[in-house]
Amino acid sequence: MRRPSLRLFAFAALTAGVIAAEPVRPWPPIRGELSGQLALPQIPGFPPLAWRIEAQPLSGAGLVLSATATSPGLSLRVELTPPAGDAPGTWRIGEAKIDAASWWRLTIDQAGIKSLPDDFAFTGQLTLTGAGQWRGAEASGAMHVTLAAGTAGSLTQKWTATGLGVDADLAIVANRAAVRTAQVKVATIEFAGLTARNLLLDVAAADAGRLAVTRAEVAAFGGRVTLTPFTLDPAAPAVISVAEFSSVALGELAALVPQALREAQGQVAGRVAINWSLQSGIGPGDGALAVSPAEPATVRLAASPGLLTGRSPPRIELLPSFLGPVGRWFSFENPAHRMLQRIELGQSPLAVESLRVQLYPDGAGGPRSARVDVVARPTGVGDVLEKITFTVNVSGPLDQVLRLGLNDRAKIRVNGGK
């Protein structure tokens, strides 16, 4: 059994820098160990932490302390040397492994982060290494953090992220950690019925603890979507940016509106404003998409009898209807009616000239969540219709894609100017 005096010496070595009023003297050769269990009932949810400290003499005059701590989902090994004279003490994390599912909630509660949804979930394996200096109760230095096989999501907000990976360098100043640089990769993201893959984010430190996202891109809709640079506050994550679409397949966009479009072909590109926060979800934004000249875009409407012909009578009457048979004698067939009927039944394709997109917040902001204005023209030779403009309205929350439909009537130009 080790003598109690050795344990007291080891414990004194651990806390040497705290008592700043006492002069620092060379440490005598000390060898010993302390162990125990730490419980912090004042921190709700903090699990019991088993710890062990070993004291070893350094060559010459000095001391090194090796500390380990284990708990469900946590394994930590740290080496400490106490301050000596004017030289500060040193610390080094040999390795720390943290199970994110076990510790993320406790961590954000202690950090005072309140912006996450109540059912937010986070999993993955965090690994930390680092080194630095310490004196008294203050530490500084640098750390490297990686996250592997991570997942995140919220059922209420209808989104999930899988294959989440993080590689970050942190600066430790006065016991506070701040991101210097980081790269985030996500294999798959599902949100509001949409699927995106291969998300890549490059992040750097910005003012006031915020993060500058210098690169953000993802594969979606058969093409690539890139966000313009934006600033992110980790305490209240939100994105205000512009999404730039390139080589996006119109057919994949059409799949989101099965009640409006029967099929679509071609590619589009353009920009759409993004206004999103982790607390509130998506906000209002608008933008425009243009058809790729290299691949003309066409659409066929889902069968919607009366959508277009409801405003275009089969015959055009020159005299008032109260004249009866006389009025019908002075009427002629509407040349646009049959063409409009074929379009509204999905029998005749339309060549798309432009699309305009507007996004609305879910809930009380209005009956619509999104609106898409389409300008198109018939593709047949000799068609009497010059151009047709119609609106696709998304009703209800954005995630309820099965409720999409054509709600507004169409505006029609017959052999008119543009």
Protein backbone atom coordinates (compact mmCIF):
# COMPACT_ATOMS: atom_id res chain seq x y z
CA MET A 1 0.00 0.00 0.00
CA ARG A 2 1.30 3.47 -0.85
CA ARG A 3 1.84 5.84 2.02
CA PRO A 4 -0.81 8.59 2.35
CA SER A 5 1.87 11.27 2.18
CA LEU A 6 2.62 10.33 -1.44
CA ARG A 7 -1.02 10.74 -2.40
CA LEU A 8 -1.11 14.16 -0.79
CA PHE A 9 2.00 15.19 -2.70
CA ALA A 10 0.46 14.04 -6.00
CA PHE A 11 -2.74 15.91 -5.33
CA ALA A 12 -0.75 19.02 -4.46
CA ALA A 13 1.08 18.72 -7.77
CA LEU A 14 -2.22 18.68 -9.69
CA THR A 15 -3.34 21.93 -8.09
CA ALA A 16 0.03 23.66 -7.92
CA GLY A 17 -0.75 26.50 -10.30
CA VAL A 18 -3.99 27.46 -8.58
CA ILE A 19 -2.34 29.02 -5.53
CA ALA A 20 -0.78 32.00 -7.24
CA ALA A 21 0.28 33.70 -4.01
CA GLU A 22 2.84 31.01 -3.18
CA PRO A 23 6.22 31.06 -4.98
CA VAL A 24 6.83 28.13 -7.33
CA ARG A 25 9.68 25.92 -6.12
CA PRO A 26 11.36 22.99 -7.85
CA TRP A 27 9.39 19.80 -7.38
CA PRO A 28 11.04 17.00 -5.41
CA PRO A 29 10.99 13.51 -6.97
CA ILE A 30 7.45 12.23 -6.42
CA ARG A 31 5.83 9.01 -7.50
CA GLY A 32 2.27 8.04 -6.61
CA GLU A 33 -1.33 7.87 -7.73
CA LEU A 34 -4.82 9.01 -6.79
CA SER A 35 -8.12 7.69 -8.07
CA GLY A 36 -11.77 8.18 -7.38
CA GLN A 37 -15.16 8.99 -8.81
CA LEU A 38 -16.51 12.44 -9.57
CA ALA A 39 -20.20 13.26 -9.29
CA LEU A 40 -21.66 16.69 -10.02
CA PRO A 41 -25.30 16.63 -8.91
CA GLN A 42 -25.56 20.38 -9.52
CA ILE A 43 -25.26 19.67 -13.27
CA PRO A 44 -28.38 17.70 -14.30
CA GLY A 45 -27.56 14.68 -16.43
CA PHE A 46 -23.82 14.64 -15.65
CA PRO A 47 -22.85 10.95 -15.33
CA PRO A 48 -20.41 9.65 -12.68
CA LEU A 49 -16.83 10.13 -13.89
CA ALA A 50 -14.12 7.64 -12.85
CA TRP A 51 -10.72 9.32 -12.70
CA ARG A 52 -7.13 8.38 -11.99
CA ILE A 53 -3.98 10.52 -11.59
CA GLU A 54 -0.43 9.22 -11.65
CA ALA A 55 2.61 11.31 -10.64
CA GLN A 56 5.99 10.58 -12.23
CA PRO A 57 9.29 12.48 -11.69
CA LEU A 58 10.93 14.08 -14.73
CA SER A 59 14.65 14.02 -15.34
CA GLY A 60 16.21 16.72 -13.21
CA ALA A 61 13.70 18.69 -11.15
CA GLY A 62 10.15 18.36 -12.38
CA LEU A 63 6.96 16.39 -12.32
CA VAL A 64 4.52 15.00 -14.88
CA LEU A 65 0.96 14.04 -14.06
CA SER A 66 -0.94 11.55 -16.21
CA ALA A 67 -4.70 11.82 -15.77
CA THR A 68 -7.38 9.54 -17.22
CA ALA A 69 -11.15 9.85 -17.00
CA THR A 70 -13.82 7.42 -18.15
CA SER A 71 -17.58 7.56 -18.18
CA PRO A 72 -20.33 6.13 -20.38
CA GLY A 73 -19.49 7.49 -23.84
CA LEU A 74 -16.26 9.20 -22.72
CA SER A 75 -12.57 8.22 -22.60
CA LEU A 76 -9.91 10.87 -21.85
CA ARG A 77 -6.14 10.83 -21.30
CA VAL A 78 -4.26 14.02 -20.40
CA GLU A 79 -0.64 14.75 -19.42
CA LEU A 80 0.17 17.78 -17.22
CA THR A 81 3.38 19.43 -16.04
CA PRO A 82 3.03 22.07 -13.30
CA PRO A 83 4.40 25.61 -13.70
CA ALA A 84 8.04 26.08 -12.71
CA GLY A 85 9.40 29.55 -12.00
CA ASP A 86 8.28 31.89 -14.76
CA ALA A 87 7.48 28.99 -17.07
CA PRO A 88 3.81 27.99 -17.32
CA GLY A 89 2.65 24.44 -16.97
CA THR A 90 1.84 22.36 -20.03
CA TRP A 91 -1.06 20.12 -20.97
CA ARG A 92 -1.46 17.56 -23.71
CA ILE A 93 -4.50 15.50 -24.67
CA GLY A 94 -3.09 12.19 -25.82
CA GLU A 95 -6.54 11.20 -27.02
CA ALA A 96 -10.15 11.81 -26.11
CA LYS A 97 -13.05 9.81 -27.54
CA ILE A 98 -16.58 11.07 -27.00
CA ASP A 99 -19.85 9.48 -28.03
CA ALA A 100 -21.87 12.41 -29.37
CA ALA A 101 -25.24 10.79 -28.63
CA SER A 102 -24.34 10.55 -24.93
CA TRP A 103 -22.90 14.03 -24.43
CA TRP A 104 -24.23 16.55 -26.96
CA ARG A 105 -27.36 17.52 -24.99
CA LEU A 106 -25.41 18.11 -21.77
CA THR A 107 -22.83 20.13 -23.70
CA ILE A 108 -25.27 22.54 -25.36
CA ASP A 109 -27.23 22.98 -22.11
CA GLN A 110 -24.06 24.05 -20.32
CA ALA A 111 -23.15 26.31 -23.24
CA GLY A 112 -26.55 28.00 -23.02
CA ILE A 113 -27.59 27.12 -26.57
CA LYS A 114 -31.40 27.29 -26.79
CA SER A 115 -32.02 27.45 -30.53
CA LEU A 116 -32.16 23.71 -31.28
CA PRO A 117 -35.55 21.97 -31.62
CA ASP A 118 -36.57 19.81 -28.67
CA ASP A 119 -36.33 16.58 -30.66
CA PHE A 120 -32.99 17.35 -32.30
CA ALA A 121 -30.78 14.23 -32.34
CA PHE A 122 -27.03 13.93 -32.92
CA THR A 123 -24.81 10.83 -33.07
CA GLY A 124 -21.23 10.06 -34.03
CA GLN A 125 -17.74 9.47 -32.63
CA LEU A 126 -15.76 12.57 -31.67
CA THR A 127 -11.97 12.36 -31.33
CA LEU A 128 -9.90 15.15 -29.79
CA THR A 129 -6.16 15.78 -29.56
CA GLY A 130 -4.37 18.91 -28.46
CA ALA A 131 -1.67 20.64 -26.43
CA GLY A 132 -1.01 23.96 -24.74
CA GLN A 133 -0.07 25.81 -21.58
CA TRP A 134 -1.75 26.55 -18.26
CA ARG A 135 -1.22 28.66 -15.20
CA GLY A 136 -3.60 28.87 -12.30
CA ALA A 137 -7.08 28.10 -13.56
CA GLU A 138 -6.50 29.39 -17.12
CA ALA A 139 -5.47 27.27 -20.10
CA SER A 140 -4.57 28.11 -23.70
CA GLY A 141 -3.43 26.14 -26.73
CA ALA A 142 -4.86 24.35 -29.76
CA MET A 143 -6.99 21.28 -30.41
CA HIS A 144 -7.88 19.13 -33.40
CA VAL A 145 -11.38 17.64 -33.51
CA THR A 146 -12.81 15.02 -35.86
CA LEU A 147 -16.28 13.56 -36.10
CA ALA A 148 -16.85 10.25 -37.90
CA ALA A 149 -20.04 8.41 -38.91
CA GLY A 150 -22.24 11.20 -37.61
CA THR A 151 -25.98 11.68 -38.00
CA ALA A 152 -28.28 14.57 -37.12
CA GLY A 153 -31.94 15.38 -37.56
CA SER A 154 -35.28 16.60 -36.28
CA LEU A 155 -38.59 14.78 -36.77
CA THR A 156 -40.65 17.92 -36.23
CA GLN A 157 -38.67 19.81 -38.85
CA LYS A 158 -38.63 16.78 -41.16
CA TRP A 159 -34.92 16.66 -41.91
CA THR A 160 -32.06 14.19 -41.44
CA ALA A 161 -28.35 14.16 -42.25
CA THR A 162 -26.30 10.95 -42.47
CA GLY A 163 -22.64 10.25 -43.16
CA LEU A 164 -21.69 13.39 -41.26
CA GLY A 165 -17.96 14.11 -40.90
CA VAL A 166 -16.11 17.06 -39.38
CA ASP A 167 -12.40 17.95 -39.38
CA ALA A 168 -11.71 21.10 -37.33
CA ASP A 169 -8.86 23.04 -35.74
CA LEU A 170 -9.71 24.97 -32.57
CA ALA A 171 -7.88 27.69 -30.68
CA ILE A 172 -8.07 27.65 -26.86
CA VAL A 173 -7.83 31.14 -25.32
CA ALA A 174 -8.62 31.75 -21.64
CA ASN A 175 -10.40 28.39 -21.37
CA ARG A 176 -12.67 29.16 -24.31
CA ALA A 177 -12.56 27.19 -27.57
CA ALA A 178 -13.05 28.88 -30.95
CA VAL A 179 -13.01 27.35 -34.44
CA ARG A 180 -10.08 28.42 -36.59
CA THR A 181 -10.87 26.31 -39.65
CA ALA A 182 -13.19 23.40 -40.29
CA GLN A 183 -14.46 21.23 -43.10
CA VAL A 184 -17.83 19.52 -42.91
CA LYS A 185 -18.96 16.70 -45.18
CA VAL A 186 -22.40 15.07 -45.30
CA ALA A 187 -23.15 12.05 -47.45
CA THR A 188 -26.95 12.45 -47.59
CA ILE A 189 -29.44 15.10 -46.50
CA GLU A 190 -33.21 14.63 -46.62
CA PHE A 191 -35.41 17.68 -46.10
CA ALA A 192 -39.02 18.37 -47.01
CA GLY A 193 -39.15 15.34 -49.29
CA LEU A 194 -35.93 16.33 -51.07
CA THR A 195 -32.68 14.38 -51.13
CA ALA A 196 -29.26 15.97 -51.53
CA ARG A 197 -25.86 14.30 -51.49
CA ASN A 198 -22.18 15.08 -51.01
CA LEU A 199 -22.54 18.30 -49.05
CA LEU A 200 -19.22 20.11 -48.56
CA LEU A 201 -18.66 23.11 -46.27
CA ASP A 202 -15.43 25.05 -45.69
CA VAL A 203 -15.53 27.20 -42.56
CA ALA A 204 -13.19 29.81 -41.03
CA ALA A 205 -13.28 31.96 -37.91
CA ALA A 206 -15.11 35.30 -38.12
CA ASP A 207 -15.78 38.17 -35.71
CA ALA A 208 -17.62 37.78 -32.38
CA GLY A 209 -17.36 34.00 -32.34
CA ARG A 210 -19.21 33.59 -35.62
CA LEU A 211 -18.14 31.40 -38.53
CA ALA A 212 -17.58 32.41 -42.13
CA VAL A 213 -18.80 29.71 -44.53
CA THR A 214 -16.56 30.27 -47.54
CA ARG A 215 -17.68 27.23 -49.52
CA ALA A 216 -21.00 25.39 -49.50
CA GLU A 217 -22.08 23.03 -52.26
CA VAL A 218 -24.21 19.95 -52.66
CA ALA A 219 -25.42 17.61 -55.40
CA ALA A 220 -29.19 17.85 -55.83
CA PHE A 221 -31.87 17.62 -58.53
CA GLY A 222 -29.45 15.89 -60.88
CA GLY A 223 -27.12 18.92 -60.84
CA ARG A 224 -25.15 21.04 -58.42
CA VAL A 225 -26.33 23.66 -55.94
CA THR A 226 -23.84 26.16 -54.50
CA LEU A 227 -24.49 28.72 -51.77
CA THR A 228 -22.83 32.11 -51.86
CA PRO A 229 -20.58 32.76 -48.80
CA PHE A 230 -22.44 33.58 -45.57
CA THR A 231 -21.79 34.04 -41.85
CA LEU A 232 -23.09 31.55 -39.29
CA ASP A 233 -23.66 32.06 -35.55
CA PRO A 234 -23.17 28.67 -33.79
CA ALA A 235 -25.39 29.80 -30.91
CA ALA A 236 -28.33 30.41 -33.29
CA PRO A 237 -27.64 28.64 -36.62
CA ALA A 238 -29.18 30.43 -39.58
CA VAL A 239 -28.41 30.71 -43.30
CA ILE A 240 -29.03 33.85 -45.34
CA SER A 241 -27.56 33.23 -48.75
CA VAL A 242 -28.31 32.67 -52.42
CA ALA A 243 -28.49 29.20 -53.93
CA GLU A 244 -26.99 28.99 -57.39
CA PHE A 245 -28.37 26.07 -59.45
CA SER A 246 -26.38 24.60 -62.34
CA SER A 247 -27.35 21.77 -64.71
CA VAL A 248 -30.45 20.98 -62.64
CA ALA A 249 -32.76 18.37 -64.17
CA LEU A 250 -36.22 19.82 -64.67
CA GLY A 251 -37.65 16.31 -64.41
CA GLU A 252 -36.50 16.01 -60.79
CA LEU A 253 -38.11 19.34 -59.95
CA ALA A 254 -41.32 18.18 -61.64
CA ALA A 255 -41.40 15.11 -59.40
CA LEU A 256 -42.10 17.46 -56.49
CA VAL A 257 -45.38 18.60 -58.06
CA PRO A 258 -47.09 15.38 -59.22
CA GLN A 259 -50.51 17.00 -59.20
CA ALA A 260 -49.28 19.83 -61.40
CA LEU A 261 -46.84 18.31 -63.88
CA ARG A 262 -47.10 14.95 -65.60
CA GLU A 263 -43.52 14.99 -66.90
CA ALA A 264 -40.67 17.36 -67.69
CA GLN A 265 -37.40 17.27 -69.59
CA GLY A 266 -34.37 19.52 -69.95
CA GLN A 267 -32.09 21.45 -67.64
CA VAL A 268 -32.41 24.75 -65.84
CA ALA A 269 -30.03 27.04 -63.99
CA GLY A 270 -30.42 30.15 -61.89
CA ARG A 271 -30.46 31.65 -58.41
CA VAL A 272 -32.91 31.39 -55.49
CA ALA A 273 -32.61 33.31 -52.21
CA ILE A 274 -32.27 31.14 -49.08
CA ASN A 275 -33.52 32.27 -45.65
CA TRP A 276 -33.35 29.43 -43.09
CA SER A 277 -32.79 28.99 -39.37
CA LEU A 278 -32.51 25.88 -37.24
CA GLN A 279 -35.15 27.25 -34.88
CA SER A 280 -37.74 28.50 -37.39
CA GLY A 281 -37.05 26.47 -40.53
CA ILE A 282 -37.30 28.01 -43.99
CA GLY A 283 -38.32 31.65 -44.49
CA PRO A 284 -39.38 33.74 -47.47
CA GLY A 285 -37.17 34.02 -50.53
CA ASP A 286 -37.42 34.31 -54.29
CA GLY A 287 -35.37 33.76 -57.41
CA ALA A 288 -35.45 32.80 -61.06
CA LEU A 289 -34.41 29.79 -63.11
CA ALA A 290 -33.57 29.88 -66.81
CA VAL A 291 -33.69 27.09 -69.35
CA SER A 292 -30.34 25.82 -70.59
CA PRO A 293 -29.96 26.75 -74.27
CA ALA A 294 -28.09 23.51 -74.93
CA GLU A 295 -31.05 21.37 -73.84
CA PRO A 296 -34.53 22.87 -74.41
CA ALA A 297 -36.96 22.22 -71.58
CA THR A 298 -40.46 20.87 -72.06
CA VAL A 299 -43.28 20.01 -69.65
CA ARG A 300 -46.62 18.24 -69.82
CA LEU A 301 -49.27 19.28 -67.34
CA ALA A 302 -51.05 16.75 -65.20
CA ALA A 303 -54.61 16.31 -66.44
CA SER A 304 -56.57 19.27 -65.07
CA PRO A 305 -59.84 19.66 -67.04
CA GLY A 306 -61.00 23.26 -67.11
CA LEU A 307 -57.70 24.70 -65.92
CA LEU A 308 -57.19 26.64 -69.15
CA THR A 309 -60.45 26.18 -71.04
CA GLY A 310 -62.40 27.56 -68.08
CA ARG A 311 -61.42 31.01 -69.31
CA SER A 312 -61.59 30.24 -73.01
CA PRO A 313 -65.11 29.43 -74.36
CA PRO A 314 -65.46 26.95 -77.25
CA ARG A 315 -67.07 29.65 -79.42
CA ILE A 316 -66.61 33.40 -79.60
CA GLU A 317 -69.92 35.26 -79.79
CA LEU A 318 -70.04 38.63 -81.53
CA LEU A 319 -73.59 39.44 -80.40
CA PRO A 320 -75.14 39.31 -76.90
CA SER A 321 -76.50 35.93 -75.79
CA PHE A 322 -80.00 37.32 -75.12
CA LEU A 323 -80.50 37.46 -78.90
CA GLY A 324 -80.79 33.66 -78.88
CA PRO A 325 -80.46 31.92 -82.27
CA VAL A 326 -79.55 35.17 -83.98
CA GLY A 327 -76.57 35.60 -81.64
CA ARG A 328 -75.40 32.03 -82.30
CA TRP A 329 -75.47 32.67 -86.05
CA PHE A 330 -72.91 35.43 -85.53
CA SER A 331 -70.42 33.30 -83.55
CA PHE A 332 -67.45 31.27 -84.65
CA GLU A 333 -65.28 28.52 -83.21
CA ASN A 334 -62.52 29.65 -80.82
CA PRO A 335 -59.26 28.49 -82.49
CA ALA A 336 -57.44 28.42 -79.15
CA HIS A 337 -59.96 26.30 -77.23
CA ARG A 338 -58.98 22.89 -78.62
CA MET A 339 -55.27 23.69 -78.23
CA LEU A 340 -55.81 24.72 -74.59
CA GLN A 341 -57.77 21.54 -73.95
CA ARG A 342 -54.90 19.38 -75.19
CA ILE A 343 -52.47 21.30 -72.97
CA GLU A 344 -54.57 21.07 -69.80
CA LEU A 345 -55.06 17.32 -70.32
CA GLY A 346 -51.32 16.77 -70.70
CA GLN A 347 -51.64 15.71 -74.34
CA SER A 348 -49.54 18.53 -75.79
CA PRO A 349 -46.09 19.45 -74.41
CA LEU A 350 -45.02 23.00 -73.64
CA ALA A 351 -41.59 24.50 -74.26
CA VAL A 352 -40.52 26.33 -71.09
CA GLU A 353 -39.04 29.80 -71.48
CA SER A 354 -38.59 30.82 -67.82
CA LEU A 355 -39.49 29.96 -64.23
CA ARG A 356 -39.71 32.19 -61.19
CA VAL A 357 -39.67 30.78 -57.66
CA GLN A 358 -40.93 32.35 -54.43
CA LEU A 359 -40.70 30.65 -51.02
CA TYR A 360 -42.97 31.42 -48.09
CA PRO A 361 -42.62 30.44 -44.43
CA ASP A 362 -44.70 27.51 -43.22
CA GLY A 363 -47.70 28.04 -41.01
CA ALA A 364 -49.45 31.33 -40.43
CA GLY A 365 -47.49 33.22 -43.06
CA GLY A 366 -50.15 32.37 -45.63
CA PRO A 367 -51.90 29.50 -47.40
CA ARG A 368 -48.93 28.94 -49.71
CA SER A 369 -45.44 27.69 -48.95
CA ALA A 370 -44.04 28.13 -52.46
CA ARG A 371 -45.07 29.58 -55.78
CA VAL A 372 -43.59 28.85 -59.18
CA ASP A 373 -44.50 31.04 -62.17
CA VAL A 374 -43.89 29.36 -65.53
CA VAL A 375 -43.82 31.00 -68.96
CA ALA A 376 -44.10 28.50 -71.81
CA ARG A 377 -45.28 28.13 -75.39
CA PRO A 378 -46.82 25.26 -77.38
CA THR A 379 -44.42 23.15 -79.41
CA GLY A 380 -46.70 22.26 -82.37
CA VAL A 381 -46.35 23.86 -85.80
CA GLY A 382 -49.08 26.38 -86.59
CA ASP A 383 -50.35 26.65 -83.05
CA VAL A 384 -52.52 29.71 -82.53
CA LEU A 385 -51.25 30.22 -78.99
CA GLU A 386 -48.22 32.49 -78.72
CA LYS A 387 -47.49 32.04 -75.02
CA ILE A 388 -49.04 30.70 -71.82
CA THR A 389 -48.25 31.69 -68.24
CA PHE A 390 -49.38 29.60 -65.30
CA THR A 391 -48.65 29.38 -61.60
CA VAL A 392 -47.88 26.32 -59.49
CA ASN A 393 -48.88 26.90 -55.88
CA VAL A 394 -47.60 24.76 -53.03
CA SER A 395 -50.20 24.68 -50.29
CA GLY A 396 -49.39 23.81 -46.68
CA PRO A 397 -45.99 22.96 -45.19
CA LEU A 398 -43.20 22.41 -47.69
CA ASP A 399 -42.69 18.82 -46.56
CA GLN A 400 -46.21 17.83 -47.66
CA VAL A 401 -45.26 17.51 -51.31
CA LEU A 402 -48.30 15.40 -52.17
CA ARG A 403 -50.50 18.45 -51.67
CA LEU A 404 -48.92 20.39 -54.49
CA GLY A 405 -51.14 21.44 -57.35
CA LEU A 406 -52.11 24.01 -59.94
CA ASN A 407 -54.38 26.39 -58.10
CA ASP A 408 -54.32 29.57 -60.16
CA ARG A 409 -55.82 29.90 -63.59
CA ALA A 410 -53.59 30.60 -66.56
CA LYS A 411 -53.06 33.79 -68.51
CA ILE A 412 -53.18 33.21 -72.24
CA ARG A 413 -51.91 35.18 -75.22
CA VAL A 414 -53.30 34.30 -78.62
CA ASN A 415 -51.02 35.45 -81.46
CA GLY A 416 -50.12 38.44 -79.34
CA GLY A 417 -46.95 40.30 -78.59
CA LYS A 418 -44.53 39.11 -75.97
